[in-house]
Protein backbone atom coordinates (compact mmCIF):
# COMPACT_ATOMS: atom_id res chain seq x y z
CA UNK A 1 0.14 -0.12 0.06
CA UNK A 2 1.46 3.34 -0.94
CA UNK A 3 0.97 6.30 1.42
CA UNK A 4 -0.11 9.56 0.30
CA UNK A 5 1.20 12.79 1.64
CA UNK A 6 -2.22 12.98 3.44
CA UNK A 7 -1.45 9.61 5.07
CA UNK A 8 2.09 10.79 6.18
CA UNK A 9 0.48 14.15 7.64
CA UNK A 10 -1.76 12.34 9.47
CA UNK A 11 0.78 9.94 11.33
CA UNK A 12 2.90 12.87 11.84
CA UNK A 13 0.34 14.77 13.83
CA UNK A 14 -0.56 11.63 15.69
CA UNK A 15 3.12 10.83 16.51
CA UNK A 16 3.73 14.45 17.47
CA UNK A 17 0.70 14.39 19.99
CA UNK A 18 2.18 10.78 21.10
CA UNK A 19 5.26 12.11 21.78
CA UNK A 20 4.36 15.32 23.79
CA UNK A 21 1.91 13.17 25.89
CA UNK A 22 4.61 10.47 26.62
CA UNK A 23 7.24 13.41 27.50
CA UNK A 24 4.37 14.46 30.22
CA UNK A 25 3.57 10.80 31.37
CA UNK A 26 7.62 10.57 31.83
CA UNK A 27 8.05 13.71 33.37
CA UNK A 28 5.26 13.18 36.01
CA UNK A 29 5.80 9.43 36.65
CA UNK A 30 9.76 9.58 36.72
CA UNK A 31 11.34 13.27 36.88
CA UNK A 32 9.24 14.44 39.93
CA UNK A 33 9.69 11.08 41.69
CA UNK A 34 13.66 11.78 41.20
CA UNK A 35 13.61 15.15 42.63
CA UNK A 36 11.03 14.10 45.67
CA UNK A 37 13.34 14.98 48.53
CA UNK A 38 14.10 18.32 47.20
CA UNK A 39 10.27 18.79 46.48
CA UNK A 40 9.29 17.87 49.82
CA UNK A 41 9.41 21.58 51.45
CA UNK A 42 6.40 22.17 49.05
CA UNK A 43 3.14 21.04 50.54
CA UNK A 44 -0.68 20.63 48.92
CA UNK A 45 -3.29 20.15 51.65
CA UNK A 46 -0.94 19.78 54.23
CA UNK A 47 0.79 16.58 52.23
CA UNK A 48 4.39 17.15 50.88
CA UNK A 49 4.30 17.72 47.04
CA UNK A 50 5.81 14.37 46.23
CA UNK A 51 3.19 12.19 48.49
CA UNK A 52 0.44 14.23 46.82
CA UNK A 53 1.90 13.85 43.08
CA UNK A 54 2.40 10.28 43.62
CA UNK A 55 -1.11 9.70 45.45
CA UNK A 56 -3.50 12.00 43.50
CA UNK A 57 -1.75 14.08 41.06
CA UNK A 58 -0.27 11.55 38.83
CA UNK A 59 -3.59 9.71 38.49
CA UNK A 60 -5.25 12.95 37.62
CA UNK A 61 -2.75 13.65 35.00
CA UNK A 62 -2.88 10.33 33.59
CA UNK A 63 -6.60 10.45 33.03
CA UNK A 64 -5.96 14.11 31.35
CA UNK A 65 -3.64 12.40 29.15
CA UNK A 66 -6.04 9.86 28.08
CA UNK A 67 -8.75 12.59 27.48
CA UNK A 68 -6.42 14.89 25.78
CA UNK A 69 -5.62 12.00 23.40
CA UNK A 70 -8.98 10.68 22.75
CA UNK A 71 -10.56 13.96 22.13
CA UNK A 72 -7.67 14.97 19.61
CA UNK A 73 -7.78 11.70 17.52
CA UNK A 74 -11.36 12.07 17.15
CA UNK A 75 -10.93 15.46 15.77
CA UNK A 76 -7.91 14.27 13.69
CA UNK A 77 -9.84 11.07 12.11
CA UNK A 78 -12.95 13.51 11.34
CA UNK A 79 -10.47 15.93 9.47
CA UNK A 80 -8.71 13.06 7.55
CA UNK A 81 -12.10 11.04 6.83
CA UNK A 82 -11.18 8.06 8.94
CA UNK A 83 -13.45 8.19 11.82
CA UNK A 84 -15.31 5.45 12.92
CA UNK A 85 -18.56 5.04 11.11
CA UNK A 86 -17.79 7.21 8.41
CA UNK A 87 -17.99 5.15 4.78
């Protein structure tokens, strides 16, 4: 199957979004945890910041990442005519 320029553009946009969201996931999961000791002076609702991120913040960020990806991809699919249910 030959990929047209339109297919390549669709995948470029898809991969760029995936890369950005994976960077955010990596930052929240590993980078904040790596600097947890230095960030423990910051408190949110009485809890140290690293504890809050690990217990609540990371889960919220993961849900936002999923929501952003689904919403953006639905728009992208409609823009390029590959949305489900379109014939």
